[in-house]
Protein backbone atom coordinates (compact mmCIF):
# COMPACT_ATOMS: atom_id res chain seq x y z
CA MET A 1 -24.93 -67.73 -3.31
CA LYS A 2 -22.72 -65.90 -0.83
CA SER A 3 -22.27 -67.20 2.71
CA LEU A 4 -22.82 -64.94 5.70
CA THR A 5 -19.05 -64.59 6.05
CA ASP A 6 -18.82 -63.50 2.40
CA TRP A 7 -21.58 -60.94 2.90
CA LEU A 8 -19.94 -59.47 6.00
CA ARG A 9 -16.67 -59.07 4.11
CA HIS A 10 -18.63 -57.31 1.36
CA LEU A 11 -20.24 -54.97 3.90
CA GLU A 12 -16.81 -54.03 5.24
CA SER A 13 -15.55 -53.26 1.73
CA LEU A 14 -18.39 -50.92 0.70
CA HIS A 15 -17.35 -47.93 2.78
CA PRO A 16 -13.81 -46.49 2.97
CA LYS A 17 -13.82 -46.79 6.78
CA GLY A 18 -14.73 -50.51 6.86
CA GLN A 19 -16.59 -52.21 9.73
CA ALA A 20 -15.56 -49.58 12.27
CA GLY A 21 -16.51 -46.77 9.92
CA ILE A 22 -18.75 -44.07 11.35
CA GLU A 23 -20.37 -41.59 8.99
CA LEU A 24 -23.48 -40.08 10.49
CA GLY A 25 -26.34 -38.98 8.25
CA LEU A 26 -29.64 -40.28 6.93
CA ASP A 27 -29.38 -39.44 3.21
CA ARG A 28 -27.63 -42.63 2.09
CA VAL A 29 -29.79 -45.03 4.06
CA ALA A 30 -32.99 -43.13 3.14
CA ARG A 31 -32.23 -43.49 -0.57
CA VAL A 32 -31.82 -47.25 -0.32
CA LYS A 33 -34.82 -47.55 2.01
CA ALA A 34 -36.96 -45.84 -0.64
CA GLU A 35 -35.57 -48.13 -3.36
CA LEU A 36 -36.52 -51.15 -1.21
CA GLY A 37 -40.00 -49.74 -0.67
CA GLN A 38 -39.75 -50.25 3.09
CA THR A 39 -42.73 -48.95 5.06
CA GLU A 40 -43.75 -49.10 8.72
CA ARG A 41 -46.52 -51.76 8.71
CA CYS A 42 -46.47 -52.48 12.46
CA PRO A 43 -45.66 -50.53 15.65
CA VAL A 44 -42.01 -49.43 15.90
CA ILE A 45 -40.10 -48.60 19.10
CA ILE A 46 -36.73 -46.85 18.85
CA VAL A 47 -34.44 -46.96 21.90
CA GLY A 48 -31.47 -44.62 22.33
CA GLY A 49 -29.31 -43.44 25.21
CA THR A 50 -25.71 -43.67 26.35
CA ASN A 51 -26.16 -46.74 28.57
CA GLY A 52 -29.01 -49.19 29.13
CA LYS A 53 -30.23 -49.42 25.54
CA GLY A 54 -29.62 -53.15 25.19
CA SER A 55 -31.36 -54.01 28.46
CA THR A 56 -34.37 -51.83 27.66
CA CYS A 57 -34.70 -53.38 24.20
CA ALA A 58 -34.53 -56.86 25.73
CA TYR A 59 -37.31 -56.07 28.24
CA LEU A 60 -39.55 -54.74 25.47
CA GLU A 61 -38.78 -57.73 23.27
CA HIS A 62 -39.49 -60.31 25.95
CA ILE A 63 -42.68 -58.73 27.29
CA LEU A 64 -44.16 -58.32 23.81
CA SER A 65 -43.11 -61.83 22.81
CA TYR A 66 -44.67 -63.39 25.91
CA SER A 67 -47.82 -61.37 25.14
CA GLY A 68 -48.12 -63.34 21.90
CA TYR A 69 -46.70 -60.85 19.39
CA ARG A 70 -44.16 -61.83 16.76
CA THR A 71 -41.22 -59.56 17.54
CA GLY A 72 -38.22 -58.29 15.63
CA CYS A 73 -35.34 -56.68 17.52
CA TYR A 74 -32.26 -55.04 16.01
CA ALA A 75 -29.39 -54.36 18.42
CA SER A 76 -25.66 -53.84 18.19
CA PRO A 77 -22.85 -54.61 18.42
CA HIS A 78 -22.73 -58.39 18.59
CA LEU A 79 -20.49 -60.45 20.84
CA LEU A 80 -19.83 -63.79 19.14
CA ALA A 81 -21.89 -63.88 15.92
CA TYR A 82 -23.41 -61.21 13.68
CA ASN A 83 -26.78 -62.99 13.85
CA GLU A 84 -27.13 -61.73 17.44
CA ARG A 85 -27.89 -58.29 16.01
CA VAL A 86 -31.12 -59.43 14.32
CA ARG A 87 -33.53 -61.33 16.54
CA LEU A 88 -36.89 -62.88 15.70
CA ASP A 89 -39.00 -63.88 18.70
CA ARG A 90 -35.99 -63.42 20.99
CA GLU A 91 -33.72 -65.71 18.93
CA PRO A 92 -30.86 -64.73 16.58
CA VAL A 93 -31.96 -65.05 12.97
CA ALA A 94 -30.55 -67.91 10.90
CA ASP A 95 -27.97 -67.34 8.17
CA ALA A 96 -30.30 -68.01 5.21
CA PRO A 97 -32.89 -65.26 5.80
CA LEU A 98 -30.12 -62.84 6.76
CA CYS A 99 -28.20 -63.54 3.55
CA ALA A 100 -31.40 -63.19 1.51
CA ALA A 101 -31.99 -59.80 3.13
CA PHE A 102 -28.41 -58.73 2.38
CA ALA A 103 -28.95 -59.66 -1.29
CA ARG A 104 -32.09 -57.51 -1.50
CA VAL A 105 -30.34 -54.54 0.12
CA GLU A 106 -27.36 -54.91 -2.22
CA ALA A 107 -29.60 -54.91 -5.29
CA ALA A 108 -31.39 -51.79 -4.05
CA ARG A 109 -28.11 -50.10 -3.11
CA VAL A 110 -26.76 -50.56 -6.63
CA ALA A 111 -30.06 -49.51 -8.22
CA ALA A 112 -30.11 -46.33 -6.09
CA GLY A 113 -26.78 -45.23 -7.58
CA ASP A 114 -24.17 -47.50 -5.96
CA VAL A 115 -24.70 -45.81 -2.58
CA PRO A 116 -21.64 -46.28 -0.27
CA LEU A 117 -23.48 -47.57 2.80
CA THR A 118 -21.61 -48.07 6.05
CA TYR A 119 -21.54 -51.48 7.73
CA PHE A 120 -24.18 -50.38 10.24
CA GLU A 121 -26.42 -48.77 7.62
CA PHE A 122 -26.41 -51.88 5.45
CA GLY A 123 -27.15 -54.04 8.49
CA THR A 124 -30.02 -51.80 9.59
CA LEU A 125 -31.75 -52.02 6.20
CA ALA A 126 -31.19 -55.79 6.11
CA ALA A 127 -32.66 -56.25 9.58
CA TRP A 128 -35.82 -54.46 8.44
CA GLU A 129 -35.99 -56.78 5.40
CA VAL A 130 -35.78 -59.80 7.71
CA PHE A 131 -38.57 -58.45 9.92
CA ALA A 132 -40.80 -57.63 6.94
CA ALA A 133 -40.32 -61.10 5.43
CA ALA A 134 -41.15 -62.72 8.77
CA GLY A 135 -44.33 -60.65 9.21
CA VAL A 136 -43.43 -59.38 12.68
CA GLU A 137 -46.06 -57.50 14.70
CA ALA A 138 -43.68 -55.27 16.68
CA ILE A 139 -40.23 -53.92 15.82
CA ILE A 140 -37.65 -52.69 18.36
CA LEU A 141 -34.67 -50.77 17.00
CA GLU A 142 -31.62 -49.90 19.10
CA VAL A 143 -29.74 -46.74 18.15
CA GLY A 144 -26.13 -47.43 17.26
CA LEU A 145 -24.63 -43.99 17.94
CA GLY A 146 -26.31 -40.75 18.94
CA GLY A 147 -29.83 -40.69 17.58
CA ARG A 148 -30.64 -37.81 15.26
CA LEU A 149 -28.36 -39.00 12.45
CA ASP A 150 -28.24 -42.71 13.30
CA ALA A 151 -29.44 -45.12 10.60
CA VAL A 152 -32.38 -46.46 12.64
CA ASN A 153 -33.81 -42.94 12.80
CA VAL A 154 -34.79 -43.24 9.14
CA TYR A 155 -37.81 -45.20 10.41
CA GLU A 156 -40.83 -43.61 12.07
CA PRO A 157 -41.31 -44.77 15.67
CA ASP A 158 -44.63 -45.00 17.49
CA VAL A 159 -42.70 -44.34 20.69
CA ALA A 160 -39.07 -43.35 21.30
CA VAL A 161 -37.04 -44.02 24.44
CA VAL A 162 -33.88 -42.29 25.68
CA THR A 163 -32.52 -44.31 28.61
CA GLY A 164 -30.00 -41.71 29.75
CA VAL A 165 -27.44 -39.16 28.62
CA ALA A 166 -23.76 -39.37 29.59
CA LEU A 167 -20.42 -38.52 28.01
CA ASP A 168 -19.45 -40.96 25.27
CA HIS A 169 -18.55 -40.66 21.56
CA THR A 170 -17.75 -37.00 22.20
CA ASP A 171 -15.83 -36.73 18.90
CA TRP A 172 -19.13 -37.34 17.09
CA LEU A 173 -21.84 -36.10 19.43
CA GLY A 174 -20.29 -33.09 21.14
CA PRO A 175 -18.20 -32.33 24.22
CA ASP A 176 -20.91 -32.10 26.89
CA ARG A 177 -24.27 -33.50 27.99
CA GLU A 178 -26.18 -30.66 26.38
CA SER A 179 -24.70 -31.41 22.96
CA ILE A 180 -25.18 -35.16 23.39
CA GLY A 181 -28.71 -34.73 24.75
CA ARG A 182 -29.68 -32.78 21.63
CA GLU A 183 -28.48 -35.66 19.45
CA LYS A 184 -30.24 -38.30 21.56
CA ALA A 185 -33.51 -36.34 21.44
CA GLY A 186 -33.41 -36.51 17.65
CA ILE A 187 -35.34 -39.79 17.77
CA PHE A 188 -38.39 -38.03 19.30
CA ARG A 189 -41.34 -37.27 17.00
CA ALA A 190 -44.00 -34.58 17.00
CA GLY A 191 -47.15 -35.70 18.77
CA LYS A 192 -45.65 -39.09 19.67
CA PRO A 193 -44.71 -40.46 23.12
CA ALA A 194 -41.10 -39.70 24.06
CA ILE A 195 -39.81 -41.55 27.13
CA CYS A 196 -36.75 -40.33 29.04
CA ALA A 197 -35.32 -42.35 31.95
CA ASP A 198 -32.51 -39.92 32.78
CA PRO A 199 -33.24 -38.50 36.26
CA GLN A 200 -31.54 -35.21 35.29
CA PRO A 201 -32.13 -34.81 31.55
CA PRO A 202 -30.15 -32.12 29.73
CA GLN A 203 -32.07 -28.93 29.02
CA SER A 204 -31.37 -29.47 25.31
CA LEU A 205 -33.42 -32.67 25.36
CA LEU A 206 -36.30 -30.96 27.14
CA ASP A 207 -36.18 -28.01 24.76
CA HIS A 208 -36.16 -30.18 21.63
CA ALA A 209 -39.11 -32.25 22.84
CA ALA A 210 -41.06 -29.05 23.55
CA ALA A 211 -40.09 -27.46 20.23
CA ILE A 212 -41.40 -30.34 18.12
CA GLY A 213 -44.43 -31.04 20.33
CA ALA A 214 -43.43 -34.52 21.46
CA ASP A 215 -45.38 -36.09 24.33
CA LEU A 216 -42.43 -36.13 26.72
CA GLN A 217 -42.63 -38.47 29.72
CA LEU A 218 -39.91 -38.12 32.36
CA ILE A 219 -38.89 -40.61 35.01
CA GLY A 220 -39.85 -39.33 38.46
CA ARG A 221 -42.54 -37.07 37.01
CA ASP A 222 -44.66 -39.15 34.61
CA PHE A 223 -43.49 -42.65 35.52
CA GLY A 224 -41.16 -44.34 37.96
CA TYR A 225 -40.71 -47.12 40.47
CA PHE A 226 -40.44 -47.88 44.17
CA GLY A 227 -39.86 -50.99 46.22
CA ASP A 228 -37.28 -53.00 48.11
CA LYS A 229 -34.91 -55.90 47.48
CA THR A 230 -37.74 -58.43 47.23
CA GLN A 231 -40.24 -56.74 44.90
CA TRP A 232 -41.06 -53.43 43.26
CA THR A 233 -43.89 -51.42 41.76
CA TRP A 234 -43.96 -49.46 38.53
CA TRP A 235 -46.18 -46.38 38.34
CA GLY A 236 -47.27 -44.30 35.38
CA ARG A 237 -49.76 -41.70 34.29
CA LYS A 238 -53.38 -41.64 35.45
CA GLN A 239 -52.38 -43.38 38.69
CA LEU A 240 -51.59 -46.59 36.83
CA ARG A 241 -49.73 -49.18 38.91
CA ARG A 242 -48.09 -52.50 38.12
CA GLY A 243 -47.15 -53.95 41.50
CA GLY A 244 -45.73 -57.13 42.98
CA LEU A 245 -42.95 -57.29 40.39
CA ALA A 246 -39.89 -59.42 41.07
CA ASN A 247 -36.50 -57.89 40.40
CA PRO A 248 -35.47 -58.18 36.74
CA GLY A 249 -33.50 -61.15 35.52
CA ILE A 250 -30.71 -58.88 34.31
CA ARG A 251 -28.60 -58.07 37.35
CA GLY A 252 -27.71 -54.60 38.54
CA SER A 253 -29.13 -51.63 40.40
CA GLN A 254 -29.76 -49.63 37.19
CA GLN A 255 -32.12 -52.26 35.80
CA LEU A 256 -35.23 -50.95 37.58
CA ALA A 257 -34.86 -47.66 35.69
CA ASN A 258 -34.38 -49.50 32.39
CA ALA A 259 -37.36 -51.77 33.06
CA SER A 260 -39.46 -48.75 34.07
CA ALA A 261 -38.65 -47.05 30.77
CA ALA A 262 -39.72 -50.17 28.89
CA LEU A 263 -43.02 -50.32 30.80
CA ALA A 264 -43.64 -46.61 30.19
CA ALA A 265 -43.09 -47.15 26.46
CA LEU A 266 -45.49 -50.09 26.38
CA ASP A 267 -48.09 -48.14 28.34
CA ALA A 268 -47.80 -45.29 25.82
CA ILE A 269 -48.76 -47.57 22.91
CA LYS A 270 -51.09 -49.97 24.73
CA ALA A 271 -53.89 -49.18 22.28
CA LYS A 272 -51.80 -50.83 19.54
CA LEU A 273 -49.91 -53.43 21.57
CA PRO A 274 -51.72 -54.27 24.83
CA VAL A 275 -49.79 -56.51 27.22
CA ASP A 276 -51.01 -58.46 30.25
CA MET A 277 -49.47 -58.62 33.71
CA GLN A 278 -48.39 -62.23 33.41
CA SER A 279 -46.38 -61.36 30.30
CA VAL A 280 -44.87 -58.34 32.06
CA ARG A 281 -43.74 -60.52 34.95
CA ARG A 282 -42.33 -63.23 32.67
CA GLY A 283 -40.67 -60.69 30.40
CA LEU A 284 -38.84 -59.04 33.28
CA ILE A 285 -37.73 -62.23 35.01
CA GLU A 286 -37.18 -64.81 32.26
CA ILE A 287 -34.43 -62.85 30.57
CA GLU A 288 -30.67 -62.87 30.31
CA LEU A 289 -28.55 -60.49 28.27
CA ALA A 290 -24.98 -61.52 27.64
CA GLY A 291 -22.34 -59.14 28.90
CA ARG A 292 -24.57 -57.03 31.14
CA PHE A 293 -23.28 -57.77 34.63
CA GLN A 294 -23.35 -61.43 33.64
CA LEU A 295 -22.18 -63.80 36.36
CA VAL A 296 -20.57 -67.01 35.06
CA PRO A 297 -21.09 -69.88 37.56
CA GLY A 298 -18.03 -71.49 39.08
CA LYS A 299 -14.95 -70.66 41.14
CA PRO A 300 -13.43 -68.20 40.89
CA ALA A 301 -16.48 -66.14 40.01
CA VAL A 302 -16.33 -64.45 36.60
CA VAL A 303 -18.28 -61.27 35.88
CA LEU A 304 -18.71 -60.04 32.30
CA ASP A 305 -19.77 -56.46 31.62
CA VAL A 306 -19.49 -54.39 28.45
CA ALA A 307 -19.30 -51.14 30.48
CA HIS A 308 -16.93 -48.76 28.68
CA ASN A 309 -17.63 -45.20 29.87
CA PRO A 310 -17.51 -43.50 33.29
CA GLN A 311 -21.24 -43.73 33.99
CA ALA A 312 -21.47 -47.41 33.07
CA VAL A 313 -18.37 -48.37 35.06
CA ALA A 314 -19.70 -46.46 38.07
CA VAL A 315 -22.85 -48.60 37.90
CA LEU A 316 -20.65 -51.68 37.54
CA ALA A 317 -18.67 -50.67 40.64
CA SER A 318 -21.90 -50.30 42.60
CA ASN A 319 -23.11 -53.71 41.44
CA LEU A 320 -19.81 -55.30 42.47
CA GLY A 321 -20.32 -53.86 45.94
CA ASP A 322 -23.62 -55.73 46.20
CA MET A 323 -22.09 -59.12 45.37
CA GLY A 324 -20.79 -60.01 48.81
CA PHE A 325 -17.26 -60.83 49.93
CA TYR A 326 -14.46 -61.94 47.61
CA ALA A 327 -10.87 -62.22 48.75
CA LYS A 328 -9.43 -60.47 45.68
CA THR A 329 -10.71 -58.88 42.50
CA HIS A 330 -8.84 -59.41 39.23
CA ALA A 331 -9.83 -57.04 36.41
CA VAL A 332 -9.34 -58.02 32.77
CA VAL A 333 -9.59 -54.77 30.81
CA GLY A 334 -9.39 -53.86 27.14
CA MET A 335 -10.75 -50.55 25.81
CA LEU A 336 -10.97 -48.40 22.71
CA ALA A 337 -8.58 -45.47 22.58
CA ASP A 338 -11.30 -42.89 21.94
CA LYS A 339 -13.04 -43.64 25.24
CA ASP A 340 -12.49 -41.71 28.48
CA ILE A 341 -10.19 -44.42 29.79
CA GLY A 342 -9.04 -42.59 32.92
CA GLY A 343 -12.55 -41.50 33.83
CA ALA A 344 -13.96 -44.98 33.34
CA LEU A 345 -11.26 -46.80 35.34
CA ALA A 346 -11.42 -44.22 38.14
CA ALA A 347 -14.78 -45.63 39.22
CA LEU A 348 -12.93 -48.78 40.37
CA SER A 349 -10.28 -46.96 42.39
CA GLY A 350 -9.21 -49.11 45.34
CA LYS A 351 -11.52 -51.95 44.27
CA VAL A 352 -9.14 -53.98 42.09
CA ASP A 353 -6.26 -56.05 43.48
CA HIS A 354 -4.72 -56.97 40.13
CA TRP A 355 -5.18 -55.28 36.75
CA HIS A 356 -4.73 -57.58 33.74
CA LEU A 357 -4.59 -55.02 30.92
CA ALA A 358 -4.95 -56.06 27.30
CA THR A 359 -4.25 -54.49 23.93
CA LEU A 360 -7.26 -54.48 21.60
CA ALA A 361 -5.95 -55.21 18.11
CA VAL A 362 -8.93 -53.58 16.38
CA PRO A 363 -9.46 -50.17 14.78
CA ARG A 364 -9.41 -47.53 17.55
CA GLY A 365 -8.11 -50.12 20.04
CA ALA A 366 -6.01 -48.90 22.97
CA THR A 367 -2.74 -50.58 23.91
CA ALA A 368 -2.21 -52.31 27.23
CA GLU A 369 0.54 -49.77 27.94
CA ALA A 370 -1.93 -46.89 27.49
CA LEU A 371 -4.28 -48.55 29.98
CA ALA A 372 -1.40 -49.06 32.42
CA ALA A 373 -0.54 -45.38 32.15
CA ALA A 374 -4.14 -44.52 33.01
CA VAL A 375 -4.11 -46.82 36.06
CA ALA A 376 -0.87 -45.26 37.25
CA GLY A 377 -1.98 -41.72 36.45
CA GLN A 378 -5.19 -42.13 38.42
CA ALA A 379 -3.36 -43.90 41.29
CA LEU A 380 -6.01 -46.63 41.29
CA GLY A 381 -4.01 -49.14 43.31
CA GLY A 382 -3.43 -52.82 42.63
CA ALA A 383 -0.74 -54.74 40.77
CA VAL A 384 -0.56 -54.27 36.99
CA GLY A 385 0.21 -56.71 34.17
CA THR A 386 0.08 -56.00 30.44
CA TYR A 387 -0.84 -58.51 27.75
CA ALA A 388 -1.07 -58.78 23.98
CA ASP A 389 -4.81 -59.45 23.91
CA PRO A 390 -7.81 -60.11 26.22
CA ALA A 391 -7.53 -63.90 25.93
CA GLU A 392 -3.96 -63.80 27.23
CA ALA A 393 -4.97 -61.39 29.98
CA PHE A 394 -7.86 -63.62 31.02
CA ALA A 395 -5.62 -66.70 31.07
CA ALA A 396 -3.25 -64.86 33.39
CA ALA A 397 -6.12 -63.80 35.63
CA ARG A 398 -7.40 -67.37 35.89
CA LYS A 399 -3.94 -68.59 36.80
CA ALA A 400 -3.51 -65.92 39.47
CA ALA A 401 -7.00 -66.05 41.01
CA GLY A 402 -7.89 -68.26 43.95
CA GLU A 403 -11.26 -69.97 44.19
CA ASN A 404 -12.53 -67.31 46.60
CA ASP A 405 -11.55 -64.49 44.25
CA ARG A 406 -13.49 -62.99 41.37
CA ILE A 407 -12.46 -62.03 37.86
CA LEU A 408 -14.08 -59.02 36.25
CA ALA A 409 -13.84 -58.62 32.45
CA PHE A 410 -15.01 -55.27 31.10
CA GLY A 411 -14.17 -52.22 29.00
CA SER A 412 -15.45 -53.16 25.54
CA PHE A 413 -17.64 -55.59 23.64
CA TYR A 414 -14.39 -56.85 22.11
CA THR A 415 -12.99 -57.66 25.55
CA VAL A 416 -16.09 -59.49 26.75
CA ALA A 417 -16.38 -61.41 23.47
CA ALA A 418 -12.78 -62.61 23.75
CA VAL A 419 -13.33 -63.81 27.32
CA MET A 420 -16.58 -65.54 26.33
CA ARG A 421 -14.73 -67.41 23.59
CA ALA A 422 -12.03 -68.42 26.07
CA LEU A 423 -14.67 -69.70 28.48
CA LYS A 424 -16.22 -71.81 25.73
CA GLU A 425 -12.84 -73.32 24.90
CA ARG A 426 -11.88 -73.90 28.55
CA PRO A 427 -14.99 -73.82 30.77
């Protein structure tokens, strides 16, 4: 019997590109899905978008769980343990059922002709096996990359959500929002609800939804929100209102849009999965998602955020402005080389007193020197230090920061994960 560690090594060895391998397309995963005999036996929600996918999935998961449904949620990437990707009733699945699912997928993969699945494809099929074995009543699937050719799109959703469209993964999805929007819209289905929370959706997304006859619902037109700093109201079709809602437990100004998208999706399938107001309130408040503007208690304050593209870092900058006064801001940054590094860091121009820049020793990782060149090239201000890895950069930031300062760690899941591990070792 293989351990989870053994299985993950096996997953990395199956495809020439290893864990970081990206090979878009549904043929491979569809062949193994058919061999497994996987079918959609309960409502399925697929969530895509450039930013906000994880938060939206978490809102859906919590509201449905508090409404009494057994939930399965598949999200990626993970921070500290692979099990985080596969959640049953809001909790990471244990090793044993995950390994059993991997074994079933492997047997089917071999039987289907030794199909060279990618790491993400194998994990997607295994997550579905876990959910089927557990008898879940609602499944939430987060798109890994794009939408149209992403592995989760092999399943048929009852409702699909696109949180927003911004520039990211341009090597794979296209050079502009129109190209990327077309890929994101690929999760929509004919005659099914299609939720879009982008306030200015690309024309390509609108055109695709119209061409296939999806029931497109746009934020600001078919659903939305209003309120103040103390409470807010969600509104939807047919003059539906859910009022007196407290601000979501996940911090940040963008969260009302993400929560609104989740509520619109649930309203669209309420005939299959009705939810009550008490569960909506609990699901929005009693929630925490690691690495999404996560504030670690103590002095100096530590903020963790996986923001890694210009739109996400702009939201992060806005959220930092709402935090109140801090004497200095120290930024611990590590990024992947294929990201728009200059564009992302530019959102923090003049807001960082000391940059602690780290090399990411992973496939596609950028060097600290490349980040330093971006800071200098954009004339962002602040002192600059370069370090071999995020843990070393974070240690330097802690040493330099006073108790009235704050430390911001962002730029990649790898960066946040390294800082989280450092915090566990030295709280």
